[in-house]
Amino acid sequence: MTTFVITVPGTFITGIDDSARSLIERKLAARHTDVSESEGLDLLTLNDDNTFSIRLEVDAADQYEAELNATGLVASALREAGVEQSDAPLGPPAVTGIDSDL
């Protein structure tokens, strides 16, 4: 298994309030650990134009699986925070870090 840091971009169409933002960060906090922190990456970056990037770590056999898992985790956290999929469309995920024992 390899640990991937995946960045999932998106846009909050209707904006986001502080409580929803905090809930998203709490839901994903366990996925933002050693690799992300050592690279100085923030879990959630929210830009002035309501675009955002979420960076989290996932363990997976390959890049495709890592990106798929990360997108699913982000979508789930958004739903749990009361953000509908149509209010926060996600862009294509990208690998921004890899930690492997190989």
Protein backbone atom coordinates (compact mmCIF):
# COMPACT_ATOMS: atom_id res chain seq x y z
CA MET A 1 0.00 0.00 0.00
CA THR A 2 1.06 3.54 -0.71
CA THR A 3 -0.07 6.73 1.01
CA PHE A 4 -1.14 9.36 -1.49
CA VAL A 5 -1.88 13.01 -0.79
CA ILE A 6 -4.75 13.89 -3.09
CA THR A 7 -6.01 17.39 -3.83
CA VAL A 8 -9.70 17.59 -4.72
CA PRO A 9 -10.76 20.98 -6.12
CA GLY A 10 -14.27 22.35 -6.28
CA THR A 11 -16.49 25.40 -6.19
CA PHE A 12 -19.08 26.41 -3.64
CA ILE A 13 -21.81 27.73 -5.92
CA THR A 14 -23.83 29.27 -3.09
CA GLY A 15 -20.94 29.96 -0.71
CA ILE A 16 -20.37 28.21 2.59
CA ASP A 17 -20.89 29.27 6.19
CA ASP A 18 -18.35 28.86 8.99
CA SER A 19 -20.20 26.00 10.69
CA ALA A 20 -20.32 23.91 7.50
CA ARG A 21 -16.66 24.64 6.83
CA SER A 22 -15.72 23.57 10.38
CA LEU A 23 -17.75 20.38 10.05
CA ILE A 24 -16.04 19.48 6.75
CA GLU A 25 -12.63 20.04 8.32
CA ARG A 26 -13.55 17.91 11.37
CA LYS A 27 -14.87 15.07 9.18
CA LEU A 28 -11.66 14.98 7.15
CA ALA A 29 -9.13 15.81 9.89
CA ALA A 30 -8.10 12.18 10.34
CA ARG A 31 -7.08 12.14 6.65
CA HIS A 32 -4.68 15.07 7.08
CA THR A 33 -1.69 13.67 8.92
CA ASP A 34 2.08 13.20 8.68
CA VAL A 35 2.67 13.45 4.93
CA SER A 36 0.35 16.43 4.41
CA GLU A 37 1.57 18.29 7.46
CA SER A 38 5.26 17.69 6.70
CA GLU A 39 4.67 19.26 3.28
CA GLY A 40 2.94 22.25 4.88
CA LEU A 41 -0.37 21.59 3.14
CA ASP A 42 -3.63 22.95 4.53
CA LEU A 43 -6.57 20.56 4.70
CA LEU A 44 -9.02 23.07 3.19
CA THR A 45 -8.19 26.17 1.21
CA LEU A 46 -11.10 28.46 0.37
CA ASN A 47 -10.45 31.22 -2.15
CA ASP A 48 -12.24 34.57 -2.48
CA ASP A 49 -14.12 33.37 -5.58
CA ASN A 50 -15.60 30.38 -3.63
CA THR A 51 -13.30 27.86 -5.28
CA PHE A 52 -11.69 25.45 -2.86
CA SER A 53 -9.10 22.71 -2.57
CA ILE A 54 -9.19 19.87 -0.08
CA ARG A 55 -6.01 17.89 0.50
CA LEU A 56 -6.17 14.54 2.22
CA GLU A 57 -4.26 11.33 2.54
CA VAL A 58 -5.53 7.97 1.41
CA ASP A 59 -3.88 4.56 1.37
CA ALA A 60 -4.34 2.79 -1.93
CA ALA A 61 -2.71 0.34 -4.28
CA ASP A 62 -2.49 2.87 -7.12
CA GLN A 63 -3.18 6.46 -8.13
CA TYR A 64 -6.58 5.73 -9.67
CA GLU A 65 -7.87 4.07 -6.50
CA ALA A 66 -6.44 6.88 -4.36
CA GLU A 67 -8.14 9.58 -6.42
CA LEU A 68 -11.44 7.69 -6.42
CA ASN A 69 -11.33 7.17 -2.64
CA ALA A 70 -10.40 10.80 -1.95
CA THR A 71 -13.23 12.12 -4.11
CA GLY A 72 -15.68 9.84 -2.30
CA LEU A 73 -14.46 11.00 1.12
CA VAL A 74 -14.78 14.67 0.14
CA ALA A 75 -18.27 14.15 -1.34
CA SER A 76 -19.37 12.35 1.83
CA ALA A 77 -18.00 15.10 4.10
CA LEU A 78 -19.77 17.76 2.04
CA ARG A 79 -23.07 15.84 2.27
CA GLU A 80 -22.71 15.42 6.03
CA ALA A 81 -22.13 19.18 6.31
CA GLY A 82 -25.41 19.79 4.48
CA VAL A 83 -23.82 20.83 1.19
CA GLU A 84 -25.64 19.39 -1.82
CA GLN A 85 -23.56 18.00 -4.70
CA SER A 86 -25.05 20.61 -7.05
CA ASP A 87 -23.94 23.38 -4.65
CA ALA A 88 -20.30 22.22 -4.60
CA PRO A 89 -19.28 20.50 -7.84
CA LEU A 90 -15.90 18.81 -7.59
CA GLY A 91 -13.14 19.00 -10.16
CA PRO A 92 -10.69 16.27 -11.13
CA PRO A 93 -8.49 15.10 -8.24
CA ALA A 94 -4.72 15.23 -8.47
CA VAL A 95 -1.87 13.52 -6.65
CA THR A 96 0.14 16.12 -4.74
CA GLY A 97 2.29 13.77 -2.67
CA ILE A 98 3.29 10.11 -2.31
CA ASP A 99 4.78 8.20 0.61
CA SER A 100 5.72 4.61 -0.10
CA ASP A 101 7.80 1.95 1.64
CA LEU A 102 9.16 0.80 -1.73
